[in-house]
Amino acid sequence: MNAMIFGRRLPAVAFDVALAGLVALVSVAGGPVQPGGWWSTSIGVAMALALLFRRVRPVAVTVVVAVLAFAQVALGWAPMLYDVAVLIALYGVVKYAERLRDGAIAGVVAVLGAVFAAVRDPLPAAWYYAAIYYTLLTGAVWLVALNVRTRRQYVLSLEERAATLEREREAEARAAVAEERTRIARELHDVVAHSMAVMIVQADGARYMIDQNPDTSRDALKIVADTGRQALEDMRRLVGVLREANPPEPVPTPAVRPVPDHRRPSVAELPALLDRFREAGLRVRYTVTGRPVPLPPALELTVHRLAQEALTNVLKHAGVGASVELTLAHTADGVALVVVDDGRGHGPLTPTPPGGHGLVGMRERVSVYDGTITAGARLAGGWQVRAWLPMPSFPGSEVIAA
């Protein structure tokens, strides 16, 4: 019990102790001269001790005080000053009880007790005057306690709402961190996998042809160097994004995140990307159908990355010399990307290890726009990738995640 009392805030404990001490002091001050003598005093002291727990056990305290008050009236003793404990207990049960029903029952019992005390009052006065006085006093205390309870519950609801919002913010922050990690991993894969695939193929070719055709080997090494520089520039750009001191605020759209203002690949850079793959040994044919329409920057980045990943897979698996047909189809509703290869390259000198995150990253990018993508082997040989990306219809779609 002591732990219950002193586990509360110190000011509340001090107030309850002072209040109980005052009731006990009034009880003892009457001493043997009051009706009932020391027995009456003991009832007042018991009420005072019960009031120490009025915050943590309001219903039990009210029951104890009510029983003691009933015993006092049943014995024919006149109302005492320490009977203020009845009003204090009533106030406590209305304010602190978990259910208001307990406070309502306590109020009814208090009114009945007031009437009973008025009837049993030995003073020569009309009992109904005393009953009205006690009833009005009890009702006033009950209404004050109800008002305080309402304000207290309102404050508690605000605190709970603030705590809920804080938990939601923490959950959103964790989700944002996870989403950002996925975005960074996807971007790193696009930069590293593409560049390293080209560099490995060209380095293997240069090593194979260095004695037979030095000029071809020299060109291959130049491609390795240029590709490495491009990869280093992309890596610097990505690291610069990660080191931004003040990243922009996210927009409140699912799966949508802001992209810093750095140079990003676009559809207009597809010809340059295809040239690099042609230099790496692929025979790429590029076709654009439909009427090109302006695309959101992030959608252009997605199209560029899908084409880059598809061609990188052709270079890694089909090898140098494979023929690739890349088609970009524009419609009023979106854009379609089709990459088809014949699988008839020379094959890589070093087998490509199994597994990888290329197709997973492609599906993640397409899913951001609620698009579709299929990838698989062709009956005539080779591999094909078909992606459909609808035009975003929500506000802020131009800042969708990279």
Protein backbone atom coordinates (compact mmCIF):
# COMPACT_ATOMS: atom_id res chain seq x y z
CA MET A 1 0.00 0.00 0.00
CA ASN A 2 2.85 2.37 0.79
CA ALA A 3 4.22 1.70 -2.68
CA MET A 4 0.85 2.66 -4.15
CA ILE A 5 0.77 5.93 -2.22
CA PHE A 6 4.35 7.06 -2.73
CA GLY A 7 4.46 5.82 -6.31
CA ARG A 8 2.26 8.77 -7.23
CA ARG A 9 3.45 12.30 -7.79
CA LEU A 10 4.77 13.93 -4.64
CA PRO A 11 2.44 16.98 -4.64
CA ALA A 12 -0.65 14.75 -4.84
CA VAL A 13 0.65 12.55 -2.01
CA ALA A 14 1.44 15.58 0.13
CA PHE A 15 -2.02 17.03 -0.47
CA ASP A 16 -3.76 13.77 0.47
CA VAL A 17 -1.66 13.40 3.60
CA ALA A 18 -2.44 16.98 4.63
CA LEU A 19 -6.16 16.49 3.93
CA ALA A 20 -6.29 13.24 5.91
CA GLY A 21 -4.30 14.83 8.72
CA LEU A 22 -6.77 17.72 8.91
CA VAL A 23 -9.73 15.33 9.18
CA ALA A 24 -7.91 13.31 11.87
CA LEU A 25 -7.02 16.50 13.76
CA VAL A 26 -10.66 17.63 13.78
CA SER A 27 -11.69 14.19 15.05
CA VAL A 28 -9.16 14.19 17.87
CA ALA A 29 -9.90 17.81 18.79
CA GLY A 30 -13.46 16.85 19.81
CA GLY A 31 -12.14 14.27 22.21
CA PRO A 32 -14.42 12.93 24.90
CA VAL A 33 -16.70 15.99 24.90
CA GLN A 34 -18.33 15.20 21.57
CA PRO A 35 -21.24 12.73 21.23
CA GLY A 36 -19.87 9.21 21.33
CA GLY A 37 -16.65 10.29 22.99
CA TRP A 38 -13.50 8.50 21.90
CA TRP A 39 -15.53 5.98 19.90
CA SER A 40 -16.70 8.82 17.69
CA THR A 41 -13.13 10.05 17.49
CA SER A 42 -11.96 6.62 16.34
CA ILE A 43 -14.53 6.70 13.53
CA GLY A 44 -13.21 10.08 12.37
CA VAL A 45 -9.59 8.85 12.48
CA ALA A 46 -10.56 5.74 10.47
CA MET A 47 -12.20 7.97 7.86
CA ALA A 48 -9.04 10.08 7.70
CA LEU A 49 -6.84 7.02 7.15
CA ALA A 50 -9.14 5.80 4.37
CA LEU A 51 -8.83 9.15 2.58
CA LEU A 52 -5.10 8.48 2.01
CA PHE A 53 -6.10 6.03 -0.75
CA ARG A 54 -8.88 8.09 -2.38
CA ARG A 55 -6.94 8.44 -5.68
CA VAL A 56 -5.84 4.83 -6.14
CA ARG A 57 -8.87 3.06 -4.57
CA PRO A 58 -11.72 5.58 -4.84
CA VAL A 59 -14.57 3.04 -4.76
CA ALA A 60 -13.17 1.14 -1.76
CA VAL A 61 -12.53 4.38 0.13
CA THR A 62 -16.09 5.54 -0.54
CA VAL A 63 -17.51 2.25 0.74
CA VAL A 64 -15.42 2.42 3.94
CA VAL A 65 -16.32 6.05 4.63
CA ALA A 66 -20.02 5.40 3.90
CA VAL A 67 -20.13 2.44 6.28
CA LEU A 68 -18.45 4.44 9.05
CA ALA A 69 -20.82 7.37 8.50
CA PHE A 70 -23.84 5.05 8.58
CA ALA A 71 -22.58 3.55 11.85
CA GLN A 72 -22.20 7.04 13.31
CA VAL A 73 -25.76 8.03 12.35
CA ALA A 74 -27.22 4.66 13.43
CA LEU A 75 -25.70 5.16 16.89
CA GLY A 76 -27.56 8.44 17.17
CA TRP A 77 -24.56 10.71 17.14
CA ALA A 78 -25.05 14.15 15.61
CA PRO A 79 -23.14 15.06 12.43
CA MET A 80 -19.53 15.91 13.24
CA LEU A 81 -17.00 18.15 11.52
CA TYR A 82 -15.05 15.10 10.41
CA ASP A 83 -18.09 14.04 8.34
CA VAL A 84 -16.60 16.25 5.63
CA ALA A 85 -14.74 13.03 4.80
CA VAL A 86 -17.98 11.80 3.20
CA LEU A 87 -17.93 14.71 0.74
CA ILE A 88 -14.20 14.24 0.10
CA ALA A 89 -14.71 10.54 -0.64
CA LEU A 90 -17.67 11.37 -2.90
CA TYR A 91 -15.54 13.88 -4.80
CA GLY A 92 -12.77 11.29 -5.17
CA VAL A 93 -14.97 8.50 -6.51
CA VAL A 94 -16.62 10.76 -9.09
CA LYS A 95 -13.28 12.14 -10.27
CA TYR A 96 -11.03 9.07 -10.15
CA ALA A 97 -13.27 6.01 -10.60
CA GLU A 98 -12.81 4.18 -13.90
CA ARG A 99 -16.56 4.17 -14.52
CA LEU A 100 -18.86 7.12 -13.97
CA ARG A 101 -21.50 4.63 -12.89
CA ASP A 102 -19.62 4.16 -9.62
CA GLY A 103 -19.75 7.91 -9.03
CA ALA A 104 -23.48 7.99 -9.78
CA ILE A 105 -24.16 5.17 -7.30
CA ALA A 106 -22.03 6.94 -4.70
CA GLY A 107 -24.03 10.12 -5.25
CA VAL A 108 -27.35 8.32 -4.72
CA VAL A 109 -26.02 6.67 -1.55
CA ALA A 110 -24.72 10.02 -0.30
CA VAL A 111 -28.14 11.65 -0.81
CA LEU A 112 -29.90 8.81 0.99
CA GLY A 113 -27.36 9.07 3.79
CA ALA A 114 -27.98 12.82 4.02
CA VAL A 115 -31.72 12.26 4.37
CA PHE A 116 -31.13 9.50 6.94
CA ALA A 117 -28.79 11.77 8.92
CA ALA A 118 -31.39 14.58 8.85
CA VAL A 119 -34.09 12.27 10.17
CA ARG A 120 -31.81 10.95 12.93
CA ASP A 121 -30.54 14.41 13.89
CA PRO A 122 -31.39 14.82 17.61
CA LEU A 123 -31.47 18.62 17.34
CA PRO A 124 -34.98 20.10 17.70
CA ALA A 125 -35.50 21.29 14.12
CA ALA A 126 -37.61 20.26 11.16
CA TRP A 127 -35.74 17.32 9.62
CA TYR A 128 -36.64 18.23 6.05
CA TYR A 129 -34.71 21.52 6.27
CA ALA A 130 -31.61 19.60 7.23
CA ALA A 131 -32.34 17.03 4.51
CA ILE A 132 -32.57 19.76 1.86
CA TYR A 133 -29.36 21.39 3.08
CA TYR A 134 -27.41 18.13 3.13
CA THR A 135 -28.79 17.12 -0.27
CA LEU A 136 -27.90 20.45 -1.91
CA LEU A 137 -24.42 20.33 -0.42
CA THR A 138 -23.92 16.75 -1.64
CA GLY A 139 -25.25 17.61 -5.12
CA ALA A 140 -22.95 20.63 -5.40
CA VAL A 141 -19.90 18.52 -4.53
CA TRP A 142 -20.98 15.83 -7.02
CA LEU A 143 -21.39 18.34 -9.86
CA VAL A 144 -18.03 19.97 -9.16
CA ALA A 145 -16.37 16.55 -9.17
CA LEU A 146 -18.13 15.67 -12.44
CA ASN A 147 -16.86 18.86 -14.08
CA VAL A 148 -13.30 18.17 -12.90
CA ARG A 149 -13.57 14.55 -14.10
CA THR A 150 -14.67 15.71 -17.55
CA ARG A 151 -11.75 18.13 -17.82
CA ARG A 152 -9.34 15.48 -16.54
CA GLN A 153 -10.51 12.91 -19.08
CA TYR A 154 -10.21 15.50 -21.83
CA VAL A 155 -6.60 16.19 -20.85
CA LEU A 156 -5.88 12.46 -20.67
CA SER A 157 -7.40 11.98 -24.12
CA LEU A 158 -5.16 14.73 -25.49
CA GLU A 159 -2.12 13.10 -23.91
CA GLU A 160 -3.10 9.72 -25.33
CA ARG A 161 -3.64 11.24 -28.74
CA ALA A 162 -0.23 12.90 -28.59
CA ALA A 163 1.37 9.60 -27.57
CA THR A 164 -0.43 7.83 -30.43
CA LEU A 165 0.74 10.44 -32.92
CA GLU A 166 4.29 10.08 -31.61
CA ARG A 167 4.16 6.31 -32.08
CA GLU A 168 2.77 6.78 -35.58
CA ARG A 169 5.56 9.23 -36.42
CA GLU A 170 8.14 6.76 -35.16
CA ALA A 171 6.56 3.99 -37.24
CA GLU A 172 6.51 6.25 -40.30
CA ALA A 173 10.13 7.18 -39.68
CA ARG A 174 11.13 3.52 -39.51
CA ALA A 175 9.18 2.81 -42.69
CA ALA A 176 10.83 5.79 -44.39
CA VAL A 177 14.28 4.54 -43.35
CA ALA A 178 13.50 1.08 -44.74
CA GLU A 179 12.18 2.59 -47.96
CA GLU A 180 15.23 4.82 -48.26
CA ARG A 181 17.55 1.86 -47.76
CA THR A 182 15.72 -0.01 -50.51
CA ARG A 183 15.97 2.99 -52.82
CA ILE A 184 19.69 3.40 -52.17
CA ALA A 185 20.32 -0.32 -52.67
CA ARG A 186 18.40 -0.21 -55.94
CA GLU A 187 20.33 2.82 -57.15
CA LEU A 188 23.66 1.28 -56.17
CA HIS A 189 22.77 -1.88 -58.03
CA ASP A 190 21.89 0.10 -61.15
CA VAL A 191 25.16 2.02 -61.05
CA VAL A 192 27.50 -0.78 -60.06
CA ALA A 193 25.96 -3.74 -61.87
CA HIS A 194 25.72 -1.98 -65.23
CA SER A 195 29.18 -0.46 -65.11
CA MET A 196 30.92 -3.53 -63.77
CA ALA A 197 29.22 -5.79 -66.33
CA VAL A 198 30.48 -3.62 -69.19
CA MET A 199 33.94 -3.35 -67.69
CA ILE A 200 34.25 -7.10 -67.09
CA VAL A 201 33.15 -7.97 -70.61
CA GLN A 202 35.51 -5.46 -72.17
CA ALA A 203 38.42 -6.43 -69.90
CA ASP A 204 37.94 -10.10 -70.74
CA GLY A 205 37.84 -9.26 -74.43
CA ALA A 206 40.95 -7.11 -74.18
CA ARG A 207 42.82 -9.86 -72.37
CA TYR A 208 41.77 -12.38 -75.01
CA MET A 209 42.70 -10.14 -77.99
CA ILE A 210 45.73 -8.34 -76.61
CA ASP A 211 48.21 -10.43 -78.61
CA GLN A 212 46.11 -10.97 -81.73
CA ASN A 213 44.64 -7.50 -82.18
CA PRO A 214 46.22 -4.79 -80.02
CA ASP A 215 44.04 -2.04 -81.56
CA THR A 216 40.85 -3.83 -80.56
CA SER A 217 42.24 -4.41 -77.09
CA ARG A 218 43.18 -0.76 -76.84
CA ASP A 219 39.61 0.28 -77.74
CA ALA A 220 38.21 -2.16 -75.19
CA LEU A 221 40.42 -0.72 -72.46
CA LYS A 222 39.30 2.78 -73.42
CA ILE A 223 35.70 1.63 -72.93
CA VAL A 224 36.66 0.18 -69.54
CA ALA A 225 38.19 3.50 -68.51
CA ASP A 226 35.24 5.57 -69.77
CA THR A 227 32.75 3.27 -68.09
CA GLY A 228 34.70 3.46 -64.83
CA ARG A 229 34.70 7.25 -64.95
CA GLN A 230 30.96 7.29 -65.58
CA ALA A 231 30.39 4.87 -62.69
CA LEU A 232 32.57 7.01 -60.43
CA GLU A 233 30.55 10.10 -61.35
CA ASP A 234 27.30 8.29 -60.59
CA MET A 235 28.67 7.06 -57.30
CA ARG A 236 29.74 10.58 -56.35
CA ARG A 237 26.26 11.83 -57.19
CA LEU A 238 24.67 9.14 -55.06
CA VAL A 239 27.01 9.77 -52.13
CA GLY A 240 26.25 13.48 -52.46
CA VAL A 241 22.56 12.71 -52.07
CA LEU A 242 23.27 10.65 -48.94
CA ARG A 243 25.34 13.44 -47.41
CA GLU A 244 22.79 16.19 -47.89
CA ALA A 245 22.45 18.15 -44.67
CA ASN A 246 18.84 19.18 -45.27
CA PRO A 247 16.94 16.56 -47.25
CA PRO A 248 13.57 17.72 -48.58
CA GLU A 249 10.34 16.83 -46.79
CA PRO A 250 8.41 13.81 -48.11
CA VAL A 251 5.09 14.36 -49.84
CA PRO A 252 2.08 12.60 -48.22
CA THR A 253 1.54 10.12 -51.02
CA PRO A 254 2.03 6.33 -50.59
CA ALA A 255 5.26 5.04 -52.10
CA VAL A 256 6.21 8.61 -53.06
CA ARG A 257 9.41 10.23 -51.89
CA PRO A 258 11.26 13.38 -52.96
CA VAL A 259 14.30 13.18 -55.16
CA PRO A 260 17.08 15.73 -54.62
CA ASP A 261 17.87 18.13 -57.40
CA HIS A 262 20.81 16.32 -59.00
CA ARG A 263 21.37 15.27 -62.55
CA ARG A 264 19.39 12.13 -63.23
CA PRO A 265 19.22 9.94 -66.33
CA SER A 266 16.18 10.52 -68.53
CA VAL A 267 14.56 9.14 -71.67
CA ALA A 268 16.47 11.70 -73.72
CA GLU A 269 19.72 10.01 -72.64
CA LEU A 270 18.67 6.57 -73.90
CA PRO A 271 20.55 6.96 -77.22
CA ALA A 272 23.78 7.71 -75.32
CA LEU A 273 23.15 4.66 -73.11
CA LEU A 274 22.60 2.49 -76.17
CA ASP A 275 25.81 3.79 -77.70
CA ARG A 276 27.75 2.63 -74.67
CA PHE A 277 26.25 -0.84 -75.00
CA ARG A 278 27.03 -0.85 -78.72
CA GLU A 279 30.62 0.01 -77.86
CA ALA A 280 30.54 -2.90 -75.40
CA GLY A 281 29.63 -5.29 -78.24
CA LEU A 282 25.83 -5.45 -78.43
CA ARG A 283 23.93 -4.84 -81.65
CA VAL A 284 21.12 -2.62 -80.44
CA ARG A 285 18.20 -1.36 -82.49
CA TYR A 286 16.12 1.42 -80.96
CA THR A 287 12.53 2.15 -82.00
CA VAL A 288 10.14 4.79 -80.68
CA THR A 289 6.43 4.53 -81.49
CA GLY A 290 3.53 6.81 -80.71
CA ARG A 291 3.66 10.50 -79.96
CA PRO A 292 6.18 11.23 -77.21
CA VAL A 293 4.68 13.22 -74.36
CA PRO A 294 6.48 14.92 -71.46
CA LEU A 295 6.99 12.46 -68.62
CA PRO A 296 7.56 13.20 -64.95
CA PRO A 297 11.32 13.22 -64.21
CA ALA A 298 11.07 10.20 -61.91
CA LEU A 299 9.14 8.23 -64.54
CA GLU A 300 11.84 9.05 -67.08
CA LEU A 301 14.42 7.80 -64.60
CA THR A 302 12.45 4.57 -64.18
CA VAL A 303 12.31 3.99 -67.94
CA HIS A 304 16.03 4.68 -68.24
CA ARG A 305 16.89 2.30 -65.39
CA LEU A 306 14.67 -0.46 -66.78
CA ALA A 307 16.36 -0.21 -70.16
CA GLN A 308 19.79 -0.11 -68.54
CA GLU A 309 19.10 -3.19 -66.40
CA ALA A 310 17.62 -5.15 -69.32
CA LEU A 311 20.60 -4.40 -71.57
CA THR A 312 23.03 -5.19 -68.75
CA ASN A 313 21.42 -8.60 -68.37
CA VAL A 314 21.74 -9.20 -72.12
CA LEU A 315 25.42 -8.32 -71.99
CA LYS A 316 26.02 -10.55 -68.93
CA HIS A 317 24.06 -13.58 -70.11
CA ALA A 318 23.83 -13.47 -73.91
CA GLY A 319 27.28 -11.96 -74.32
CA VAL A 320 29.03 -9.80 -76.90
CA GLY A 321 27.50 -9.91 -80.37
CA ALA A 322 23.88 -10.45 -79.28
CA SER A 323 21.20 -8.53 -81.16
CA VAL A 324 18.76 -6.49 -79.11
CA GLU A 325 15.52 -4.81 -80.13
CA LEU A 326 14.50 -2.02 -77.73
CA THR A 327 11.08 -0.46 -78.32
CA LEU A 328 9.64 2.51 -76.46
CA ALA A 329 5.92 2.96 -77.11
CA HIS A 330 4.16 6.15 -76.01
CA THR A 331 0.39 6.23 -75.48
CA ALA A 332 -2.01 8.66 -73.88
CA ASP A 333 -2.21 6.43 -70.80
CA GLY A 334 1.45 5.66 -70.25
CA VAL A 335 4.59 4.25 -71.77
CA ALA A 336 5.62 0.69 -72.64
CA LEU A 337 9.18 -0.61 -72.81
CA VAL A 338 10.05 -3.83 -74.63
CA VAL A 339 13.57 -5.28 -74.75
CA VAL A 340 14.06 -8.47 -76.78
CA ASP A 341 17.36 -10.18 -77.55
CA ASP A 342 18.19 -13.21 -79.69
CA GLY A 343 20.57 -14.78 -77.17
CA ARG A 344 23.15 -15.41 -79.86
CA GLY A 345 26.14 -13.64 -78.45
CA HIS A 346 29.55 -15.11 -77.83
CA GLY A 347 28.77 -15.57 -74.18
CA PRO A 348 30.86 -14.25 -71.31
CA LEU A 349 34.32 -15.71 -70.80
CA THR A 350 33.60 -15.95 -67.08
CA PRO A 351 30.23 -17.49 -66.14
CA THR A 352 27.85 -15.10 -64.41
CA PRO A 353 27.17 -16.18 -60.82
CA PRO A 354 23.56 -17.15 -60.09
CA GLY A 355 21.18 -14.88 -58.23
CA GLY A 356 21.13 -11.11 -58.24
CA HIS A 357 18.73 -8.26 -57.58
CA GLY A 358 18.21 -6.91 -61.09
CA LEU A 359 14.74 -8.29 -61.77
CA VAL A 360 13.69 -7.59 -58.18
CA GLY A 361 14.71 -3.96 -58.55
CA MET A 362 12.87 -3.70 -61.87
CA ARG A 363 9.68 -5.03 -60.32
CA GLU A 364 10.01 -2.63 -57.39
CA ARG A 365 10.38 0.33 -59.73
CA VAL A 366 7.38 -0.69 -61.81
CA SER A 367 5.23 -1.40 -58.73
CA VAL A 368 5.66 2.22 -57.60
CA TYR A 369 3.51 3.24 -60.58
CA ASP A 370 1.13 0.27 -60.33
CA GLY A 371 2.56 -0.92 -63.62
CA THR A 372 3.28 -4.43 -64.89
CA ILE A 373 6.43 -6.20 -65.98
CA THR A 374 7.10 -9.64 -67.41
CA ALA A 375 10.47 -11.19 -68.07
CA GLY A 376 11.33 -14.61 -69.41
CA ALA A 377 12.89 -16.75 -72.11
CA ARG A 378 11.57 -16.74 -75.68
CA LEU A 379 10.68 -19.88 -77.61
CA ALA A 380 12.85 -18.70 -80.51
CA GLY A 381 15.78 -18.18 -78.16
CA GLY A 382 16.96 -15.26 -76.13
CA TRP A 383 15.16 -13.25 -73.51
CA GLN A 384 12.48 -10.61 -73.40
CA VAL A 385 11.39 -7.94 -70.93
CA ARG A 386 8.06 -6.13 -71.27
CA ALA A 387 7.12 -3.30 -68.92
CA TRP A 388 4.04 -1.06 -68.83
CA LEU A 389 4.11 2.16 -66.83
CA PRO A 390 0.86 4.14 -66.60
CA MET A 391 1.04 7.89 -66.29
CA PRO A 392 0.77 8.93 -62.63
CA SER A 393 -2.54 10.55 -61.80
CA PHE A 394 -1.83 11.72 -58.27
CA PRO A 395 -0.45 15.12 -57.26
CA GLY A 396 3.26 15.26 -56.67
CA SER A 397 3.99 12.28 -58.91
CA GLU A 398 6.91 14.13 -60.41
CA VAL A 399 8.85 13.50 -57.17
CA ILE A 400 8.30 9.78 -56.96
CA ALA A 401 11.06 7.62 -55.58
CA ALA A 402 14.16 6.85 -57.59
